[in-house]
Amino acid sequence: MALINIDGDPWLTELDACENLSNDIQSQLAARNRENQLSREYGVLSGTVRVRLKQLGSELDQLTRKLGLISNTLTSGEAERRQRRIEALQSKLIQLQRQFQYAEPAAARSALFETSSSNRGRVAFADDDDDEPALIPSQSNYTVADLRSQQTRILEDQNEGLEALSQVIARQKELATRIGGEVDRHNDILDDLAQTMETTDGRINRETQQIGTITTQDSTWGYWIVIGLLFVAIVLVGIF
């Protein structure tokens, strides 16, 4: 459920901006994947997406820090809802990073095959230290060094995505630990309340018994008075 920006809350405004940025990145990734990897448009879109992914990660970190600063001015439910919105965007960031990382190898293979088919018979075999040799079209600028550089960049981006995922999991674990502590404290309060109610119930029962005893004693005084008056009357009649 999306939060409604009421009274121009700047935190919610920044959150909306992050959501719009993530949607723009998604659109640019889709546009990039439709381009040939060896084309200029593909390179421009890749550079733009890479910068925007880092920008989104930085802005999400800032939102998390600001939420920690203003959490004491929010209700616990509102703070938890905002934290869930940040975590949803962080998960989306990880998905976008994965799309950015794994779309490049597929596009590279497609570009190589297309170039190879158009230049059939002009393929050179390049020796490499890897187990399998790389097939490089002789008429293209896509070299073994480019493949290695691309693979290094993919691994770096993947490591960044895993690190971001690890941070999200750590924050979720910390949140679960705090919730568990709150539950334990509420259980202790309920136990104390139950014990207090039991003690109060025992006192009420004792007081009720004492009131019953007093009431019984008060009800016999009338009989004793009547008996005393009759005794006095008998004595007086006997004397006179």
C-alpha atoms as a PDB file:
ATOM      1  CA  MET A   1       0.000   0.000   0.000  1.00  0.00           C
ATOM      2  CA  ALA A   2       1.447   3.361  -1.003  1.00  0.00           C
ATOM      3  CA  LEU A   3       1.784   6.101   1.555  1.00  0.00           C
ATOM      4  CA  ILE A   4      -0.164   9.303   0.891  1.00  0.00           C
ATOM      5  CA  ASN A   5       1.859  12.492   1.014  1.00  0.00           C
ATOM      6  CA  ILE A   6      -0.079  14.625   3.496  1.00  0.00           C
ATOM      7  CA  ASP A   7       0.798  18.277   4.194  1.00  0.00           C
ATOM      8  CA  GLY A   8       3.864  18.119   1.925  1.00  0.00           C
ATOM      9  CA  ASP A   9       5.937  15.741   4.054  1.00  0.00           C
ATOM     10  CA  PRO A  10       9.454  16.084   2.534  1.00  0.00           C
ATOM     11  CA  TRP A  11      10.336  12.482   3.428  1.00  0.00           C
ATOM     12  CA  LEU A  12       7.359  11.163   1.476  1.00  0.00           C
ATOM     13  CA  THR A  13       8.222  13.504  -1.393  1.00  0.00           C
ATOM     14  CA  GLU A  14      11.709  11.996  -1.590  1.00  0.00           C
ATOM     15  CA  LEU A  15      10.206   8.506  -1.393  1.00  0.00           C
ATOM     16  CA  ASP A  16       7.941   9.284  -4.365  1.00  0.00           C
ATOM     17  CA  ALA A  17      10.977  10.600  -6.260  1.00  0.00           C
ATOM     18  CA  CYS A  18      12.821   7.311  -5.616  1.00  0.00           C
ATOM     19  CA  GLU A  19       9.851   5.316  -6.883  1.00  0.00           C
ATOM     20  CA  ASN A  20       9.721   7.435 -10.047  1.00  0.00           C
ATOM     21  CA  LEU A  21      13.477   6.976 -10.507  1.00  0.00           C
ATOM     22  CA  SER A  22      13.162   3.194 -10.219  1.00  0.00           C
ATOM     23  CA  ASN A  23      10.398   3.207 -12.841  1.00  0.00           C
ATOM     24  CA  ASP A  24      12.564   5.300 -15.178  1.00  0.00           C
ATOM     25  CA  ILE A  25      15.453   2.855 -14.740  1.00  0.00           C
ATOM     26  CA  GLN A  26      13.147  -0.040 -15.571  1.00  0.00           C
ATOM     27  CA  SER A  27      12.055   1.702 -18.782  1.00  0.00           C
ATOM     28  CA  GLN A  28      15.647   2.478 -19.783  1.00  0.00           C
ATOM     29  CA  LEU A  29      16.685  -1.141 -19.186  1.00  0.00           C
ATOM     30  CA  ALA A  30      13.896  -2.312 -21.471  1.00  0.00           C
ATOM     31  CA  ALA A  31      14.973   0.202 -24.145  1.00  0.00           C
ATOM     32  CA  ARG A  32      18.635  -0.821 -23.818  1.00  0.00           C
ATOM     33  CA  ASN A  33      17.872  -4.522 -24.221  1.00  0.00           C
ATOM     34  CA  ARG A  34      16.237  -3.798 -27.576  1.00  0.00           C
ATOM     35  CA  GLU A  35      19.490  -2.322 -28.908  1.00  0.00           C
ATOM     36  CA  ASN A  36      22.480  -4.131 -30.365  1.00  0.00           C
ATOM     37  CA  GLN A  37      25.227  -4.242 -27.743  1.00  0.00           C
ATOM     38  CA  LEU A  38      27.827  -2.993 -30.207  1.00  0.00           C
ATOM     39  CA  SER A  39      25.735   0.053 -31.031  1.00  0.00           C
ATOM     40  CA  ARG A  40      26.353   3.516 -29.630  1.00  0.00           C
ATOM     41  CA  GLU A  41      22.806   3.711 -28.222  1.00  0.00           C
ATOM     42  CA  TYR A  42      23.384   0.584 -26.131  1.00  0.00           C
ATOM     43  CA  GLY A  43      26.526   2.050 -24.580  1.00  0.00           C
ATOM     44  CA  VAL A  44      24.842   5.363 -23.800  1.00  0.00           C
ATOM     45  CA  LEU A  45      21.858   3.669 -22.164  1.00  0.00           C
ATOM     46  CA  SER A  46      24.135   1.341 -20.165  1.00  0.00           C
ATOM     47  CA  GLY A  47      26.108   4.298 -18.793  1.00  0.00           C
ATOM     48  CA  THR A  48      22.930   6.175 -17.895  1.00  0.00           C
ATOM     49  CA  VAL A  49      21.403   3.160 -16.152  1.00  0.00           C
ATOM     50  CA  ARG A  50      24.606   2.496 -14.195  1.00  0.00           C
ATOM     51  CA  VAL A  51      24.695   6.085 -12.894  1.00  0.00           C
ATOM     52  CA  ARG A  52      20.998   6.058 -12.019  1.00  0.00           C
ATOM     53  CA  LEU A  53      21.288   2.758 -10.156  1.00  0.00           C
ATOM     54  CA  LYS A  54      24.022   4.247  -7.958  1.00  0.00           C
ATOM     55  CA  GLN A  55      21.897   7.380  -7.492  1.00  0.00           C
ATOM     56  CA  LEU A  56      18.893   5.289  -6.413  1.00  0.00           C
ATOM     57  CA  GLY A  57      21.009   3.333  -3.926  1.00  0.00           C
ATOM     58  CA  SER A  58      22.425   6.551  -2.447  1.00  0.00           C
ATOM     59  CA  GLU A  59      18.988   8.162  -2.122  1.00  0.00           C
ATOM     60  CA  LEU A  60      17.560   5.061  -0.441  1.00  0.00           C
ATOM     61  CA  ASP A  61      20.413   5.132   2.093  1.00  0.00           C
ATOM     62  CA  GLN A  62      19.625   8.801   2.806  1.00  0.00           C
ATOM     63  CA  LEU A  63      15.923   7.994   3.254  1.00  0.00           C
ATOM     64  CA  THR A  64      16.820   5.248   5.732  1.00  0.00           C
ATOM     65  CA  ARG A  65      18.984   7.626   7.779  1.00  0.00           C
ATOM     66  CA  LYS A  66      16.312  10.343   7.745  1.00  0.00           C
ATOM     67  CA  LEU A  67      13.674   7.854   8.850  1.00  0.00           C
ATOM     68  CA  GLY A  68      15.851   6.975  11.829  1.00  0.00           C
ATOM     69  CA  LEU A  69      16.037  10.666  12.760  1.00  0.00           C
ATOM     70  CA  ILE A  70      12.268  11.325  12.520  1.00  0.00           C
ATOM     71  CA  SER A  71      11.054   7.962  13.846  1.00  0.00           C
ATOM     72  CA  ASN A  72      10.473   9.433  17.322  1.00  0.00           C
ATOM     73  CA  THR A  73       7.927  11.856  15.814  1.00  0.00           C
ATOM     74  CA  LEU A  74       5.943   9.022  14.162  1.00  0.00           C
ATOM     75  CA  THR A  75       3.720   6.312  15.537  1.00  0.00           C
ATOM     76  CA  SER A  76       5.197   2.832  15.610  1.00  0.00           C
ATOM     77  CA  GLY A  77       2.796   1.699  12.889  1.00  0.00           C
ATOM     78  CA  GLU A  78       3.653   4.615  10.587  1.00  0.00           C
ATOM     79  CA  ALA A  79       7.400   4.111  11.103  1.00  0.00           C
ATOM     80  CA  GLU A  80       7.048   0.409  10.303  1.00  0.00           C
ATOM     81  CA  ARG A  81       5.029   1.140   7.144  1.00  0.00           C
ATOM     82  CA  ARG A  82       7.687   3.583   5.929  1.00  0.00           C
ATOM     83  CA  GLN A  83      10.435   1.065   6.670  1.00  0.00           C
ATOM     84  CA  ARG A  84       8.579  -1.549   4.615  1.00  0.00           C
ATOM     85  CA  ARG A  85       8.317   0.900   1.701  1.00  0.00           C
ATOM     86  CA  ILE A  86      12.087   1.497   1.804  1.00  0.00           C
ATOM     87  CA  GLU A  87      12.769  -2.247   1.909  1.00  0.00           C
ATOM     88  CA  ALA A  88      10.454  -2.767  -1.077  1.00  0.00           C
ATOM     89  CA  LEU A  89      12.422  -0.175  -3.066  1.00  0.00           C
ATOM     90  CA  GLN A  90      15.711  -1.743  -1.957  1.00  0.00           C
ATOM     91  CA  SER A  91      14.487  -5.124  -3.206  1.00  0.00           C
ATOM     92  CA  LYS A  92      13.481  -3.530  -6.495  1.00  0.00           C
ATOM     93  CA  LEU A  93      16.947  -1.942  -6.727  1.00  0.00           C
ATOM     94  CA  ILE A  94      18.527  -5.377  -6.372  1.00  0.00           C
ATOM     95  CA  GLN A  95      16.260  -6.736  -9.107  1.00  0.00           C
ATOM     96  CA  LEU A  96      17.177  -3.847 -11.406  1.00  0.00           C
ATOM     97  CA  GLN A  97      20.874  -4.432 -10.725  1.00  0.00           C
ATOM     98  CA  ARG A  98      20.455  -8.093 -11.622  1.00  0.00           C
ATOM     99  CA  GLN A  99      18.633  -7.184 -14.823  1.00  0.00           C
ATOM    100  CA  PHE A 100      21.442  -4.770 -15.647  1.00  0.00           C
ATOM    101  CA  GLN A 101      24.113  -7.392 -14.939  1.00  0.00           C
ATOM    102  CA  TYR A 102      22.609 -10.436 -16.633  1.00  0.00           C
ATOM    103  CA  ALA A 103      21.178  -8.679 -19.677  1.00  0.00           C
ATOM    104  CA  GLU A 104      24.671  -7.746 -20.875  1.00  0.00           C
ATOM    105  CA  PRO A 105      26.044 -11.308 -21.414  1.00  0.00           C
ATOM    106  CA  ALA A 106      22.905 -12.317 -23.346  1.00  0.00           C
ATOM    107  CA  ALA A 107      23.156  -9.189 -25.504  1.00  0.00           C
ATOM    108  CA  ALA A 108      26.851  -9.836 -26.055  1.00  0.00           C
ATOM    109  CA  ARG A 109      26.195 -13.340 -27.335  1.00  0.00           C
ATOM    110  CA  SER A 110      23.436 -12.058 -29.600  1.00  0.00           C
ATOM    111  CA  ALA A 111      25.685  -9.330 -30.995  1.00  0.00           C
ATOM    112  CA  LEU A 112      28.502 -11.791 -31.591  1.00  0.00           C
ATOM    113  CA  PHE A 113      26.256 -14.252 -33.393  1.00  0.00           C
ATOM    114  CA  GLU A 114      24.756 -11.509 -35.561  1.00  0.00           C
ATOM    115  CA  THR A 115      28.171 -10.179 -36.517  1.00  0.00           C
ATOM    116  CA  SER A 116      29.472 -13.701 -37.093  1.00  0.00           C
ATOM    117  CA  SER A 117      26.626 -14.549 -39.454  1.00  0.00           C
ATOM    118  CA  SER A 118      27.155 -11.324 -41.451  1.00  0.00           C
ATOM    119  CA  ASN A 119      30.911 -11.949 -41.669  1.00  0.00           C
ATOM    120  CA  ARG A 120      30.836 -15.709 -42.095  1.00  0.00           C
ATOM    121  CA  GLY A 121      34.150 -17.187 -43.008  1.00  0.00           C
ATOM    122  CA  ARG A 122      36.072 -14.278 -41.410  1.00  0.00           C
ATOM    123  CA  VAL A 123      36.120 -15.484 -37.782  1.00  0.00           C
ATOM    124  CA  ALA A 124      39.425 -15.589 -35.936  1.00  0.00           C
ATOM    125  CA  PHE A 125      40.102 -17.795 -32.966  1.00  0.00           C
ATOM    126  CA  ALA A 126      41.717 -15.980 -29.999  1.00  0.00           C
ATOM    127  CA  ASP A 127      43.759 -17.931 -27.482  1.00  0.00           C
ATOM    128  CA  ASP A 128      42.842 -17.337 -23.879  1.00  0.00           C
ATOM    129  CA  ASP A 129      43.824 -18.651 -20.491  1.00  0.00           C
ATOM    130  CA  ASP A 130      40.240 -19.816 -19.909  1.00  0.00           C
ATOM    131  CA  ASP A 131      39.010 -23.343 -20.564  1.00  0.00           C
ATOM    132  CA  GLU A 132      37.087 -22.294 -23.718  1.00  0.00           C
ATOM    133  CA  PRO A 133      38.466 -19.983 -26.453  1.00  0.00           C
ATOM    134  CA  ALA A 134      36.555 -16.817 -27.333  1.00  0.00           C
ATOM    135  CA  LEU A 135      35.211 -16.341 -30.830  1.00  0.00           C
ATOM    136  CA  ILE A 136      35.880 -12.762 -31.917  1.00  0.00           C
ATOM    137  CA  PRO A 137      34.657 -11.375 -35.254  1.00  0.00           C
ATOM    138  CA  SER A 138      37.655 -10.073 -37.141  1.00  0.00           C
ATOM    139  CA  GLN A 139      35.732  -7.090 -38.538  1.00  0.00           C
ATOM    140  CA  SER A 140      34.442  -5.805 -35.181  1.00  0.00           C
ATOM    141  CA  ASN A 141      35.966  -3.771 -32.380  1.00  0.00           C
ATOM    142  CA  TYR A 142      34.760  -6.259 -29.758  1.00  0.00           C
ATOM    143  CA  THR A 143      37.995  -7.835 -28.475  1.00  0.00           C
ATOM    144  CA  VAL A 144      38.998 -10.289 -25.764  1.00  0.00           C
ATOM    145  CA  ALA A 145      40.021  -7.350 -23.573  1.00  0.00           C
ATOM    146  CA  ASP A 146      36.520  -5.915 -23.958  1.00  0.00           C
ATOM    147  CA  LEU A 147      34.989  -9.223 -22.874  1.00  0.00           C
ATOM    148  CA  ARG A 148      37.282  -9.415 -19.863  1.00  0.00           C
ATOM    149  CA  SER A 149      36.512  -5.821 -18.907  1.00  0.00           C
ATOM    150  CA  GLN A 150      32.803  -6.479 -19.269  1.00  0.00           C
ATOM    151  CA  GLN A 151      33.032  -9.627 -17.159  1.00  0.00           C
ATOM    152  CA  THR A 152      34.931  -7.736 -14.449  1.00  0.00           C
ATOM    153  CA  ARG A 153      32.306  -4.990 -14.444  1.00  0.00           C
ATOM    154  CA  ILE A 154      29.516  -7.572 -14.209  1.00  0.00           C
ATOM    155  CA  LEU A 155      31.186  -9.241 -11.228  1.00  0.00           C
ATOM    156  CA  GLU A 156      31.655  -5.885  -9.496  1.00  0.00           C
ATOM    157  CA  ASP A 157      28.019  -4.964 -10.043  1.00  0.00           C
ATOM    158  CA  GLN A 158      26.958  -8.388  -8.796  1.00  0.00           C
ATOM    159  CA  ASN A 159      29.044  -7.951  -5.651  1.00  0.00           C
ATOM    160  CA  GLU A 160      27.432  -4.554  -5.056  1.00  0.00           C
ATOM    161  CA  GLY A 161      23.986  -6.125  -5.464  1.00  0.00           C
ATOM    162  CA  LEU A 162      24.827  -8.916  -3.024  1.00  0.00           C
ATOM    163  CA  GLU A 163      26.158  -6.394  -0.523  1.00  0.00           C
ATOM    164  CA  ALA A 164      22.956  -4.350  -0.799  1.00  0.00           C
ATOM    165  CA  LEU A 165      20.896  -7.529  -0.333  1.00  0.00           C
ATOM    166  CA  SER A 166      22.965  -8.431   2.721  1.00  0.00           C
ATOM    167  CA  GLN A 167      22.286  -4.997   4.221  1.00  0.00           C
ATOM    168  CA  VAL A 168      18.540  -5.381   3.619  1.00  0.00           C
ATOM    169  CA  ILE A 169      18.553  -8.815   5.275  1.00  0.00           C
ATOM    170  CA  ALA A 170      20.539  -7.449   8.236  1.00  0.00           C
ATOM    171  CA  ARG A 171      18.035  -4.604   8.718  1.00  0.00           C
ATOM    172  CA  GLN A 172      15.119  -7.036   8.513  1.00  0.00           C
ATOM    173  CA  LYS A 173      16.821  -9.262  11.090  1.00  0.00           C
ATOM    174  CA  GLU A 174      17.346  -6.276  13.387  1.00  0.00           C
ATOM    175  CA  LEU A 175      13.694  -5.265  12.956  1.00  0.00           C
ATOM    176  CA  ALA A 176      12.561  -8.822  13.754  1.00  0.00           C
ATOM    177  CA  THR A 177      14.752  -8.818  16.875  1.00  0.00           C
ATOM    178  CA  ARG A 178      13.208  -5.528  18.063  1.00  0.00           C
ATOM    179  CA  ILE A 179       9.707  -6.885  17.437  1.00  0.00           C
ATOM    180  CA  GLY A 180      10.594 -10.033  19.400  1.00  0.00           C
ATOM    181  CA  GLY A 181      11.820  -7.887  22.302  1.00  0.00           C
ATOM    182  CA  GLU A 182       8.585  -5.881  22.267  1.00  0.00           C
ATOM    183  CA  VAL A 183       6.544  -9.102  22.311  1.00  0.00           C
ATOM    184  CA  ASP A 184       8.546 -10.404  25.283  1.00  0.00           C
ATOM    185  CA  ARG A 185       8.003  -7.148  27.199  1.00  0.00           C
ATOM    186  CA  HIS A 186       4.273  -7.235  26.495  1.00  0.00           C
ATOM    187  CA  ASN A 187       4.150 -10.848  27.692  1.00  0.00           C
ATOM    188  CA  ASP A 188       5.864  -9.823  30.942  1.00  0.00           C
ATOM    189  CA  ILE A 189       3.340  -7.001  31.399  1.00  0.00           C
ATOM    190  CA  LEU A 190       0.456  -9.434  30.826  1.00  0.00           C
ATOM    191  CA  ASP A 191       1.942 -11.881  33.352  1.00  0.00           C
ATOM    192  CA  ASP A 192       2.269  -9.112  35.961  1.00  0.00           C
ATOM    193  CA  LEU A 193      -1.292  -7.990  35.260  1.00  0.00           C
ATOM    194  CA  ALA A 194      -2.612 -11.541  35.659  1.00  0.00           C
ATOM    195  CA  GLN A 195      -0.776 -11.921  38.970  1.00  0.00           C
ATOM    196  CA  THR A 196      -2.108  -8.576  40.197  1.00  0.00           C
ATOM    197  CA  MET A 197      -5.665  -9.551  39.226  1.00  0.00           C
ATOM    198  CA  GLU A 198      -5.300 -12.858  41.058  1.00  0.00           C
ATOM    199  CA  THR A 199      -4.077 -11.085  44.208  1.00  0.00           C
ATOM    200  CA  THR A 200      -6.915  -8.547  43.980  1.00  0.00           C
ATOM    201  CA  ASP A 201      -9.463 -11.335  43.538  1.00  0.00           C
ATOM    202  CA  GLY A 202      -8.185 -13.059  46.699  1.00  0.00           C
ATOM    203  CA  ARG A 203      -8.472  -9.828  48.684  1.00  0.00           C
ATOM    204  CA  ILE A 204     -12.016  -9.269  47.421  1.00  0.00           C
ATOM    205  CA  ASN A 205     -13.007 -12.774  48.499  1.00  0.00           C
ATOM    206  CA  ARG A 206     -11.551 -12.250  51.998  1.00  0.00           C
ATOM    207  CA  GLU A 207     -13.313  -8.904  52.368  1.00  0.00           C
ATOM    208  CA  THR A 208     -16.577 -10.479  51.236  1.00  0.00           C
ATOM    209  CA  GLN A 209     -16.245 -13.202  53.871  1.00  0.00           C
ATOM    210  CA  GLN A 210     -15.531 -10.619  56.585  1.00  0.00           C
ATOM    211  CA  ILE A 211     -18.553  -8.577  55.542  1.00  0.00           C
ATOM    212  CA  GLY A 212     -20.705 -11.711  55.696  1.00  0.00           C
ATOM    213  CA  THR A 213     -19.462 -12.499  59.203  1.00  0.00           C
ATOM    214  CA  ILE A 214     -20.149  -8.945  60.401  1.00  0.00           C
ATOM    215  CA  THR A 215     -23.595  -9.011  58.850  1.00  0.00           C
ATOM    216  CA  THR A 216     -24.396 -12.302  60.638  1.00  0.00           C
ATOM    217  CA  GLN A 217     -23.230 -10.926  63.965  1.00  0.00           C
ATOM    218  CA  ASP A 218     -25.290  -7.748  63.514  1.00  0.00           C
ATOM    219  CA  SER A 219     -28.435  -9.756  62.764  1.00  0.00           C
ATOM    220  CA  THR A 220     -28.296 -11.558  66.235  1.00  0.00           C
ATOM    221  CA  TRP A 221     -28.166  -8.387  68.343  1.00  0.00           C
ATOM    222  CA  GLY A 222     -31.907  -7.841  68.036  1.00  0.00           C
ATOM    223  CA  TYR A 223     -32.690 -11.264  69.529  1.00  0.00           C
ATOM    224  CA  TRP A 224     -30.384 -10.683  72.505  1.00  0.00           C
ATOM    225  CA  ILE A 225     -32.027  -7.338  73.250  1.00  0.00           C
ATOM    226  CA  VAL A 226     -35.503  -8.906  73.201  1.00  0.00           C
ATOM    227  CA  ILE A 227     -34.349 -11.719  75.496  1.00  0.00           C
ATOM    228  CA  GLY A 228     -32.829  -9.183  77.917  1.00  0.00           C
ATOM    229  CA  LEU A 229     -36.026  -7.117  78.050  1.00  0.00           C
ATOM    230  CA  LEU A 230     -38.137 -10.222  78.689  1.00  0.00           C
ATOM    231  CA  PHE A 231     -35.775 -11.235  81.496  1.00  0.00           C
ATOM    232  CA  VAL A 232     -36.048  -7.812  83.091  1.00  0.00           C
ATOM    233  CA  ALA A 233     -39.847  -7.915  82.774  1.00  0.00           C
ATOM    234  CA  ILE A 234     -40.028 -11.336  84.456  1.00  0.00           C
ATOM    235  CA  VAL A 235     -37.886 -10.156  87.338  1.00  0.00           C
ATOM    236  CA  LEU A 236     -40.008  -7.039  87.820  1.00  0.00           C
ATOM    237  CA  VAL A 237     -43.254  -9.059  87.801  1.00  0.00           C
ATOM    238  CA  GLY A 238     -41.816 -11.452  90.357  1.00  0.00           C
ATOM    239  CA  ILE A 239     -40.830  -8.626  92.647  1.00  0.00           C
ATOM    240  CA  PHE A 240     -44.099  -6.749  92.445  1.00  0.00           C
END
